[in-house]
Amino acid sequence: MPKTYAPGTTLSVQDVADLIDHALLKPELTPAEVESACRELAQDEIWSVCVRPSDVRLALAAVDGHQTQVCTVIGFPHGTTSTATKIAESRQALADGATELDMVLNIGRLRGGDIEAVTQDIAAVVEVGHAARALVKVIFETALLDEDQKIAACRASEEAGADFVKTSTGFAGGGATLPDVRLMRSNTGEHVQVKASGGVRDIDTLLAMCAEGVTRIGTSSTEALLAGARERAEAGTLVVPEPGGDVESADGQGY
């Protein structure tokens, strides 16, 4: 079962670190920059570094000796590659050492109403991932979808056997919002987890996401989140709030 936190739960700094998938996905990052970032992030024992497919082996070596895992992206960032390509990309990423796959669903097919094609596309990646005991997360790109399409994406992901539904790539001008994660949580079964990605840059936003049932955070603001967690832990206020609230910083813009 997903590790969710009830309102009023006091978290540790490590609990916060265990929520974080740190995104290293910008196209301009050099191999040296990715390697350096992975080494530094692993010192904080975050859950994972989420890197570009070509960086999986590099990242795996950089986090060696730490609990930090290596996640990568499939069909990123538009989801428009063929299913066969996504399968091949997934197999290569797993062979290189990735333990989690964040795939972008076919956004155009979803918006066009071809839910069967979307479901089959997801299921193909899930089959490959699960055969290697890897988790598969499905990225919706919520900024490009209306409410009905988001619900359809939830149902397709669950039917296809995905482990997570995820809000965004960070490359489409939007990201995680509290209304979106509430909708995603309410339209998937308890065995499907929710990843909020994009716009989670401070500890108040992270805690508000946790209150809505989010169990993973995609961010490039790890340093700020952990600094905020340490400050709140020292003050005894690193506590999950009641759900249904709001925070100004949950704007969903970028990572």
C-alpha atoms as a PDB file:
ATOM      1  CA  MET A   1       0.000   0.000   0.000  1.00  0.00           C
ATOM      2  CA  PRO A   2       1.150   3.578  -0.641  1.00  0.00           C
ATOM      3  CA  LYS A   3       2.685   5.407   2.306  1.00  0.00           C
ATOM      4  CA  THR A   4       0.210   8.191   2.931  1.00  0.00           C
ATOM      5  CA  TYR A   5       0.164  10.561   5.886  1.00  0.00           C
ATOM      6  CA  ALA A   6      -2.964  11.406   7.841  1.00  0.00           C
ATOM      7  CA  PRO A   7      -3.637  15.044   8.759  1.00  0.00           C
ATOM      8  CA  GLY A   8      -1.817  15.911  11.950  1.00  0.00           C
ATOM      9  CA  THR A   9       1.057  13.507  11.274  1.00  0.00           C
ATOM     10  CA  THR A  10       4.454  14.883  12.235  1.00  0.00           C
ATOM     11  CA  LEU A  11       7.036  14.110   9.554  1.00  0.00           C
ATOM     12  CA  SER A  12      10.784  13.733   9.814  1.00  0.00           C
ATOM     13  CA  VAL A  13      13.210  15.336   7.372  1.00  0.00           C
ATOM     14  CA  GLN A  14      13.879  11.849   6.004  1.00  0.00           C
ATOM     15  CA  ASP A  15      10.137  11.389   5.411  1.00  0.00           C
ATOM     16  CA  VAL A  16      10.270  14.473   3.197  1.00  0.00           C
ATOM     17  CA  ALA A  17      13.412  13.236   1.412  1.00  0.00           C
ATOM     18  CA  ASP A  18      11.610   9.947   0.757  1.00  0.00           C
ATOM     19  CA  LEU A  19       8.933  11.836  -1.205  1.00  0.00           C
ATOM     20  CA  ILE A  20      11.314  13.477  -3.656  1.00  0.00           C
ATOM     21  CA  ASP A  21      12.067  12.560  -7.260  1.00  0.00           C
ATOM     22  CA  HIS A  22      14.572  15.253  -8.210  1.00  0.00           C
ATOM     23  CA  ALA A  23      14.227  16.220 -11.874  1.00  0.00           C
ATOM     24  CA  LEU A  24      17.390  16.538 -13.972  1.00  0.00           C
ATOM     25  CA  LEU A  25      15.658  16.721 -17.348  1.00  0.00           C
ATOM     26  CA  LYS A  26      16.624  20.031 -18.938  1.00  0.00           C
ATOM     27  CA  PRO A  27      18.106  19.373 -22.393  1.00  0.00           C
ATOM     28  CA  GLU A  28      21.085  21.671 -21.848  1.00  0.00           C
ATOM     29  CA  LEU A  29      22.492  19.794 -18.838  1.00  0.00           C
ATOM     30  CA  THR A  30      25.937  18.364 -19.535  1.00  0.00           C
ATOM     31  CA  PRO A  31      26.947  14.875 -18.353  1.00  0.00           C
ATOM     32  CA  ALA A  32      29.290  16.474 -15.811  1.00  0.00           C
ATOM     33  CA  GLU A  33      26.450  18.603 -14.440  1.00  0.00           C
ATOM     34  CA  VAL A  34      24.138  15.608 -14.141  1.00  0.00           C
ATOM     35  CA  GLU A  35      26.802  13.513 -12.427  1.00  0.00           C
ATOM     36  CA  SER A  36      27.681  16.267  -9.970  1.00  0.00           C
ATOM     37  CA  ALA A  37      24.031  16.903  -9.110  1.00  0.00           C
ATOM     38  CA  CYS A  38      23.330  13.193  -8.591  1.00  0.00           C
ATOM     39  CA  ARG A  39      26.289  12.837  -6.237  1.00  0.00           C
ATOM     40  CA  GLU A  40      25.160  15.817  -4.170  1.00  0.00           C
ATOM     41  CA  LEU A  41      21.508  14.753  -4.076  1.00  0.00           C
ATOM     42  CA  ALA A  42      22.407  11.229  -2.992  1.00  0.00           C
ATOM     43  CA  GLN A  43      24.030  12.697   0.121  1.00  0.00           C
ATOM     44  CA  ASP A  44      20.540  13.748   1.225  1.00  0.00           C
ATOM     45  CA  GLU A  45      19.209  10.214   0.595  1.00  0.00           C
ATOM     46  CA  ILE A  46      16.263  11.446  -1.460  1.00  0.00           C
ATOM     47  CA  TRP A  47      14.056   8.799  -3.050  1.00  0.00           C
ATOM     48  CA  SER A  48      15.299   9.190  -6.606  1.00  0.00           C
ATOM     49  CA  VAL A  49      16.971  11.260  -9.245  1.00  0.00           C
ATOM     50  CA  CYS A  50      14.843  11.448 -12.390  1.00  0.00           C
ATOM     51  CA  VAL A  51      17.209  11.740 -15.338  1.00  0.00           C
ATOM     52  CA  ARG A  52      17.116  11.650 -19.125  1.00  0.00           C
ATOM     53  CA  PRO A  53      17.336   8.140 -20.607  1.00  0.00           C
ATOM     54  CA  SER A  54      20.887   8.696 -21.867  1.00  0.00           C
ATOM     55  CA  ASP A  55      21.979   9.562 -18.314  1.00  0.00           C
ATOM     56  CA  VAL A  56      20.721   6.452 -16.503  1.00  0.00           C
ATOM     57  CA  ARG A  57      24.056   4.625 -16.317  1.00  0.00           C
ATOM     58  CA  LEU A  58      25.882   7.805 -15.341  1.00  0.00           C
ATOM     59  CA  ALA A  59      23.351   8.519 -12.585  1.00  0.00           C
ATOM     60  CA  LEU A  60      23.469   4.957 -11.291  1.00  0.00           C
ATOM     61  CA  ALA A  61      27.223   5.188 -10.793  1.00  0.00           C
ATOM     62  CA  ALA A  62      26.891   8.618  -9.163  1.00  0.00           C
ATOM     63  CA  VAL A  63      24.403   7.465  -6.492  1.00  0.00           C
ATOM     64  CA  ASP A  64      26.244   4.214  -5.719  1.00  0.00           C
ATOM     65  CA  GLY A  65      26.412   3.542  -1.988  1.00  0.00           C
ATOM     66  CA  HIS A  66      23.239   5.485  -1.210  1.00  0.00           C
ATOM     67  CA  GLN A  67      19.555   4.564  -1.057  1.00  0.00           C
ATOM     68  CA  THR A  68      18.736   7.039  -3.850  1.00  0.00           C
ATOM     69  CA  GLN A  69      17.329   5.271  -6.892  1.00  0.00           C
ATOM     70  CA  VAL A  70      17.416   6.183 -10.563  1.00  0.00           C
ATOM     71  CA  CYS A  71      14.214   7.043 -12.392  1.00  0.00           C
ATOM     72  CA  THR A  72      13.937   8.009 -16.048  1.00  0.00           C
ATOM     73  CA  VAL A  73      11.369   9.289 -18.525  1.00  0.00           C
ATOM     74  CA  ILE A  74       9.766   7.512 -21.477  1.00  0.00           C
ATOM     75  CA  GLY A  75       8.211   9.220 -24.515  1.00  0.00           C
ATOM     76  CA  PHE A  76       9.271  12.498 -22.955  1.00  0.00           C
ATOM     77  CA  PRO A  77       8.119  15.243 -23.065  1.00  0.00           C
ATOM     78  CA  HIS A  78       5.214  15.009 -25.550  1.00  0.00           C
ATOM     79  CA  GLY A  79       4.134  11.352 -25.381  1.00  0.00           C
ATOM     80  CA  THR A  80       3.837  11.173 -29.157  1.00  0.00           C
ATOM     81  CA  THR A  81       6.409   8.478 -29.886  1.00  0.00           C
ATOM     82  CA  SER A  82       4.986   5.146 -31.021  1.00  0.00           C
ATOM     83  CA  THR A  83       4.199   2.415 -28.553  1.00  0.00           C
ATOM     84  CA  ALA A  84       6.964   0.287 -30.090  1.00  0.00           C
ATOM     85  CA  THR A  85       9.428   3.112 -29.457  1.00  0.00           C
ATOM     86  CA  LYS A  86       8.270   3.498 -25.858  1.00  0.00           C
ATOM     87  CA  ILE A  87       8.723  -0.242 -25.324  1.00  0.00           C
ATOM     88  CA  ALA A  88      12.255  -0.148 -26.747  1.00  0.00           C
ATOM     89  CA  GLU A  89      13.126   2.943 -24.714  1.00  0.00           C
ATOM     90  CA  SER A  90      11.785   1.284 -21.553  1.00  0.00           C
ATOM     91  CA  ARG A  91      13.768  -1.896 -22.124  1.00  0.00           C
ATOM     92  CA  GLN A  92      16.979   0.054 -22.659  1.00  0.00           C
ATOM     93  CA  ALA A  93      16.405   2.183 -19.561  1.00  0.00           C
ATOM     94  CA  LEU A  94      15.787  -0.906 -17.429  1.00  0.00           C
ATOM     95  CA  ALA A  95      18.866  -2.624 -18.847  1.00  0.00           C
ATOM     96  CA  ASP A  96      20.870   0.488 -17.932  1.00  0.00           C
ATOM     97  CA  GLY A  97      19.648   0.257 -14.327  1.00  0.00           C
ATOM     98  CA  ALA A  98      16.533   2.425 -13.965  1.00  0.00           C
ATOM     99  CA  THR A  99      14.063   1.182 -11.350  1.00  0.00           C
ATOM    100  CA  GLU A 100      11.208   3.584 -12.150  1.00  0.00           C
ATOM    101  CA  LEU A 101       9.774   4.727 -15.487  1.00  0.00           C
ATOM    102  CA  ASP A 102       7.819   7.971 -15.862  1.00  0.00           C
ATOM    103  CA  MET A 103       6.034   7.679 -19.215  1.00  0.00           C
ATOM    104  CA  VAL A 104       4.090  10.414 -20.980  1.00  0.00           C
ATOM    105  CA  LEU A 105       0.749   9.175 -22.250  1.00  0.00           C
ATOM    106  CA  ASN A 106      -0.251  10.028 -25.805  1.00  0.00           C
ATOM    107  CA  ILE A 107      -1.775  13.440 -25.140  1.00  0.00           C
ATOM    108  CA  GLY A 108      -3.163  13.962 -28.633  1.00  0.00           C
ATOM    109  CA  ARG A 109      -4.875  10.562 -28.656  1.00  0.00           C
ATOM    110  CA  LEU A 110      -6.371  11.291 -25.237  1.00  0.00           C
ATOM    111  CA  ARG A 111      -7.675  14.700 -26.306  1.00  0.00           C
ATOM    112  CA  GLY A 112      -9.009  13.091 -29.495  1.00  0.00           C
ATOM    113  CA  GLY A 113     -11.040  10.615 -27.470  1.00  0.00           C
ATOM    114  CA  ASP A 114      -9.169   7.424 -28.421  1.00  0.00           C
ATOM    115  CA  ILE A 115      -9.009   6.089 -24.869  1.00  0.00           C
ATOM    116  CA  GLU A 116      -8.438   2.528 -26.033  1.00  0.00           C
ATOM    117  CA  ALA A 117      -5.213   3.528 -27.815  1.00  0.00           C
ATOM    118  CA  VAL A 118      -4.075   5.478 -24.756  1.00  0.00           C
ATOM    119  CA  THR A 119      -4.769   2.537 -22.461  1.00  0.00           C
ATOM    120  CA  GLN A 120      -2.949   0.079 -24.719  1.00  0.00           C
ATOM    121  CA  ASP A 121       0.046   2.419 -24.975  1.00  0.00           C
ATOM    122  CA  ILE A 122       0.288   2.629 -21.175  1.00  0.00           C
ATOM    123  CA  ALA A 123      -0.261  -1.093 -20.722  1.00  0.00           C
ATOM    124  CA  ALA A 124       2.620  -1.918 -23.064  1.00  0.00           C
ATOM    125  CA  VAL A 125       5.077   0.083 -20.955  1.00  0.00           C
ATOM    126  CA  VAL A 126       3.599  -1.283 -17.723  1.00  0.00           C
ATOM    127  CA  GLU A 127       4.126  -4.836 -18.963  1.00  0.00           C
ATOM    128  CA  VAL A 128       7.802  -4.169 -19.670  1.00  0.00           C
ATOM    129  CA  GLY A 129       8.321  -2.270 -16.426  1.00  0.00           C
ATOM    130  CA  HIS A 130       6.611  -4.782 -14.186  1.00  0.00           C
ATOM    131  CA  ALA A 131       8.484  -7.681 -15.783  1.00  0.00           C
ATOM    132  CA  ALA A 132      11.624  -5.989 -14.439  1.00  0.00           C
ATOM    133  CA  ARG A 133       9.942  -5.131 -11.099  1.00  0.00           C
ATOM    134  CA  ALA A 134      10.069  -1.443 -11.938  1.00  0.00           C
ATOM    135  CA  LEU A 135       7.393   1.080 -11.036  1.00  0.00           C
ATOM    136  CA  VAL A 136       5.596   2.859 -13.861  1.00  0.00           C
ATOM    137  CA  LYS A 137       4.197   6.374 -13.517  1.00  0.00           C
ATOM    138  CA  VAL A 138       1.921   7.904 -16.150  1.00  0.00           C
ATOM    139  CA  ILE A 139       2.350  11.603 -16.886  1.00  0.00           C
ATOM    140  CA  PHE A 140      -0.880  13.336 -17.946  1.00  0.00           C
ATOM    141  CA  GLU A 141       0.237  16.916 -18.755  1.00  0.00           C
ATOM    142  CA  THR A 142      -2.755  18.298 -16.862  1.00  0.00           C
ATOM    143  CA  ALA A 143      -2.248  21.833 -18.185  1.00  0.00           C
ATOM    144  CA  LEU A 144      -3.358  20.611 -21.614  1.00  0.00           C
ATOM    145  CA  LEU A 145      -6.433  18.659 -20.449  1.00  0.00           C
ATOM    146  CA  ASP A 146      -9.932  19.475 -19.311  1.00  0.00           C
ATOM    147  CA  GLU A 147     -11.516  17.790 -16.304  1.00  0.00           C
ATOM    148  CA  ASP A 148     -13.172  14.987 -18.272  1.00  0.00           C
ATOM    149  CA  GLN A 149      -9.888  14.210 -20.018  1.00  0.00           C
ATOM    150  CA  LYS A 150      -8.040  14.077 -16.711  1.00  0.00           C
ATOM    151  CA  ILE A 151     -10.600  11.630 -15.357  1.00  0.00           C
ATOM    152  CA  ALA A 152     -10.318   9.537 -18.518  1.00  0.00           C
ATOM    153  CA  ALA A 153      -6.524   9.504 -18.077  1.00  0.00           C
ATOM    154  CA  CYS A 154      -6.927   8.308 -14.485  1.00  0.00           C
ATOM    155  CA  ARG A 155      -9.172   5.453 -15.553  1.00  0.00           C
ATOM    156  CA  ALA A 156      -6.957   4.453 -18.478  1.00  0.00           C
ATOM    157  CA  SER A 157      -3.869   4.433 -16.256  1.00  0.00           C
ATOM    158  CA  GLU A 158      -5.536   2.314 -13.614  1.00  0.00           C
ATOM    159  CA  GLU A 159      -6.962  -0.116 -16.171  1.00  0.00           C
ATOM    160  CA  ALA A 160      -3.503  -0.454 -17.736  1.00  0.00           C
ATOM    161  CA  GLY A 161      -1.983  -1.372 -14.369  1.00  0.00           C
ATOM    162  CA  ALA A 162       0.103   1.743 -13.738  1.00  0.00           C
ATOM    163  CA  ASP A 163       1.548   2.309 -10.273  1.00  0.00           C
ATOM    164  CA  PHE A 164       1.252   6.097 -10.288  1.00  0.00           C
ATOM    165  CA  VAL A 165      -0.551   8.908 -12.032  1.00  0.00           C
ATOM    166  CA  LYS A 166       1.533  12.066 -12.392  1.00  0.00           C
ATOM    167  CA  THR A 167       0.496  15.618 -13.185  1.00  0.00           C
ATOM    168  CA  SER A 168       3.081  17.077 -15.527  1.00  0.00           C
ATOM    169  CA  THR A 169       6.365  17.048 -17.418  1.00  0.00           C
ATOM    170  CA  GLY A 170       7.294  20.605 -16.443  1.00  0.00           C
ATOM    171  CA  PHE A 171       7.650  21.454 -20.149  1.00  0.00           C
ATOM    172  CA  ALA A 172       4.097  22.533 -21.052  1.00  0.00           C
ATOM    173  CA  GLY A 173       3.692  25.741 -19.096  1.00  0.00           C
ATOM    174  CA  GLY A 174       2.002  24.206 -16.093  1.00  0.00           C
ATOM    175  CA  GLY A 175       2.381  21.673 -13.315  1.00  0.00           C
ATOM    176  CA  ALA A 176       0.837  20.355 -10.144  1.00  0.00           C
ATOM    177  CA  THR A 177      -2.103  22.156  -8.585  1.00  0.00           C
ATOM    178  CA  LEU A 178      -4.075  21.146  -5.520  1.00  0.00           C
ATOM    179  CA  PRO A 179      -7.364  20.838  -7.474  1.00  0.00           C
ATOM    180  CA  ASP A 180      -5.693  18.527  -9.982  1.00  0.00           C
ATOM    181  CA  VAL A 181      -4.189  16.189  -7.411  1.00  0.00           C
ATOM    182  CA  ARG A 182      -7.512  16.069  -5.565  1.00  0.00           C
ATOM    183  CA  LEU A 183      -9.223  15.074  -8.807  1.00  0.00           C
ATOM    184  CA  MET A 184      -6.579  12.443  -9.566  1.00  0.00           C
ATOM    185  CA  ARG A 185      -6.737  10.997  -6.064  1.00  0.00           C
ATOM    186  CA  SER A 186     -10.535  10.802  -6.150  1.00  0.00           C
ATOM    187  CA  ASN A 187     -10.606   9.087  -9.559  1.00  0.00           C
ATOM    188  CA  THR A 188      -8.090   6.298  -8.932  1.00  0.00           C
ATOM    189  CA  GLY A 189      -8.133   3.330  -6.591  1.00  0.00           C
ATOM    190  CA  GLU A 190      -6.100   3.279  -3.392  1.00  0.00           C
ATOM    191  CA  HIS A 191      -3.434   1.069  -4.982  1.00  0.00           C
ATOM    192  CA  VAL A 192      -2.625   3.803  -7.547  1.00  0.00           C
ATOM    193  CA  GLN A 193      -0.374   6.515  -6.160  1.00  0.00           C
ATOM    194  CA  VAL A 194      -0.273  10.197  -7.138  1.00  0.00           C
ATOM    195  CA  LYS A 195       2.868  12.146  -8.047  1.00  0.00           C
ATOM    196  CA  ALA A 196       2.698  15.942  -8.018  1.00  0.00           C
ATOM    197  CA  SER A 197       5.248  17.361 -10.419  1.00  0.00           C
ATOM    198  CA  GLY A 198       5.944  21.005 -11.172  1.00  0.00           C
ATOM    199  CA  GLY A 199       5.499  24.050  -8.940  1.00  0.00           C
ATOM    200  CA  VAL A 200       6.278  22.364  -5.610  1.00  0.00           C
ATOM    201  CA  ARG A 201       9.046  24.637  -4.442  1.00  0.00           C
ATOM    202  CA  ASP A 202       8.430  25.164  -0.718  1.00  0.00           C
ATOM    203  CA  ILE A 203       7.597  23.021   2.271  1.00  0.00           C
ATOM    204  CA  ASP A 204       4.083  24.428   2.745  1.00  0.00           C
ATOM    205  CA  THR A 205       3.141  23.339  -0.776  1.00  0.00           C
ATOM    206  CA  LEU A 206       4.684  19.908  -0.261  1.00  0.00           C
ATOM    207  CA  LEU A 207       2.742  19.395   2.975  1.00  0.00           C
ATOM    208  CA  ALA A 208      -0.486  20.555   1.315  1.00  0.00           C
ATOM    209  CA  MET A 209       0.093  17.983  -1.439  1.00  0.00           C
ATOM    210  CA  CYS A 210       0.642  15.270   1.168  1.00  0.00           C
ATOM    211  CA  ALA A 211      -2.667  16.215   2.781  1.00  0.00           C
ATOM    212  CA  GLU A 212      -4.383  15.424  -0.532  1.00  0.00           C
ATOM    213  CA  GLY A 213      -2.843  11.952  -0.680  1.00  0.00           C
ATOM    214  CA  VAL A 214       0.207  12.689  -2.852  1.00  0.00           C
ATOM    215  CA  THR A 215       3.011  10.187  -2.197  1.00  0.00           C
ATOM    216  CA  ARG A 216       5.719  11.487  -4.515  1.00  0.00           C
ATOM    217  CA  ILE A 217       6.941  14.950  -5.479  1.00  0.00           C
ATOM    218  CA  GLY A 218       8.701  15.772  -8.756  1.00  0.00           C
ATOM    219  CA  THR A 219      10.830  18.865  -8.243  1.00  0.00           C
ATOM    220  CA  SER A 220      14.122  20.572  -8.913  1.00  0.00           C
ATOM    221  CA  SER A 221      13.781  22.526  -5.645  1.00  0.00           C
ATOM    222  CA  THR A 222      15.068  19.763  -3.386  1.00  0.00           C
ATOM    223  CA  GLU A 223      17.514  22.001  -1.542  1.00  0.00           C
ATOM    224  CA  ALA A 224      14.773  24.505  -0.640  1.00  0.00           C
ATOM    225  CA  LEU A 225      12.329  21.768   0.348  1.00  0.00           C
ATOM    226  CA  LEU A 226      14.800  20.033   2.651  1.00  0.00           C
ATOM    227  CA  ALA A 227      15.939  23.340   4.157  1.00  0.00           C
ATOM    228  CA  GLY A 228      12.314  24.164   4.890  1.00  0.00           C
ATOM    229  CA  ALA A 229      11.750  20.692   6.326  1.00  0.00           C
ATOM    230  CA  ARG A 230      14.737  21.039   8.664  1.00  0.00           C
ATOM    231  CA  GLU A 231      13.547  24.434   9.854  1.00  0.00           C
ATOM    232  CA  ARG A 232      10.010  23.182  10.458  1.00  0.00           C
ATOM    233  CA  ALA A 233      11.233  19.991  12.139  1.00  0.00           C
ATOM    234  CA  GLU A 234      13.366  21.999  14.533  1.00  0.00           C
ATOM    235  CA  ALA A 235      10.346  24.132  15.386  1.00  0.00           C
ATOM    236  CA  GLY A 236       8.119  21.056  15.752  1.00  0.00           C
ATOM    237  CA  THR A 237       5.819  22.205  12.945  1.00  0.00           C
ATOM    238  CA  LEU A 238       6.625  19.718  10.163  1.00  0.00           C
ATOM    239  CA  VAL A 239       3.033  18.523  10.280  1.00  0.00           C
ATOM    240  CA  VAL A 240       0.615  17.421   7.548  1.00  0.00           C
ATOM    241  CA  PRO A 241      -2.330  19.882   7.462  1.00  0.00           C
ATOM    242  CA  GLU A 242      -5.988  19.138   6.918  1.00  0.00           C
ATOM    243  CA  PRO A 243      -6.922  18.478   3.272  1.00  0.00           C
ATOM    244  CA  GLY A 244      -8.918  20.968   1.242  1.00  0.00           C
ATOM    245  CA  GLY A 245      -6.669  23.904   1.945  1.00  0.00           C
ATOM    246  CA  ASP A 246      -4.741  26.106  -0.445  1.00  0.00           C
ATOM    247  CA  VAL A 247      -1.301  27.674  -0.668  1.00  0.00           C
ATOM    248  CA  GLU A 248      -0.226  30.633  -2.783  1.00  0.00           C
ATOM    249  CA  SER A 249       2.899  28.889  -4.051  1.00  0.00           C
ATOM    250  CA  ALA A 250       1.048  25.924  -5.599  1.00  0.00           C
ATOM    251  CA  ASP A 251       1.054  27.672  -8.971  1.00  0.00           C
ATOM    252  CA  GLY A 252       2.142  24.657 -10.991  1.00  0.00           C
ATOM    253  CA  GLN A 253       4.699  26.566 -13.047  1.00  0.00           C
ATOM    254  CA  GLY A 254       7.695  24.488 -14.089  1.00  0.00           C
ATOM    255  CA  TYR A 255       9.821  22.401 -11.748  1.00  0.00           C
END
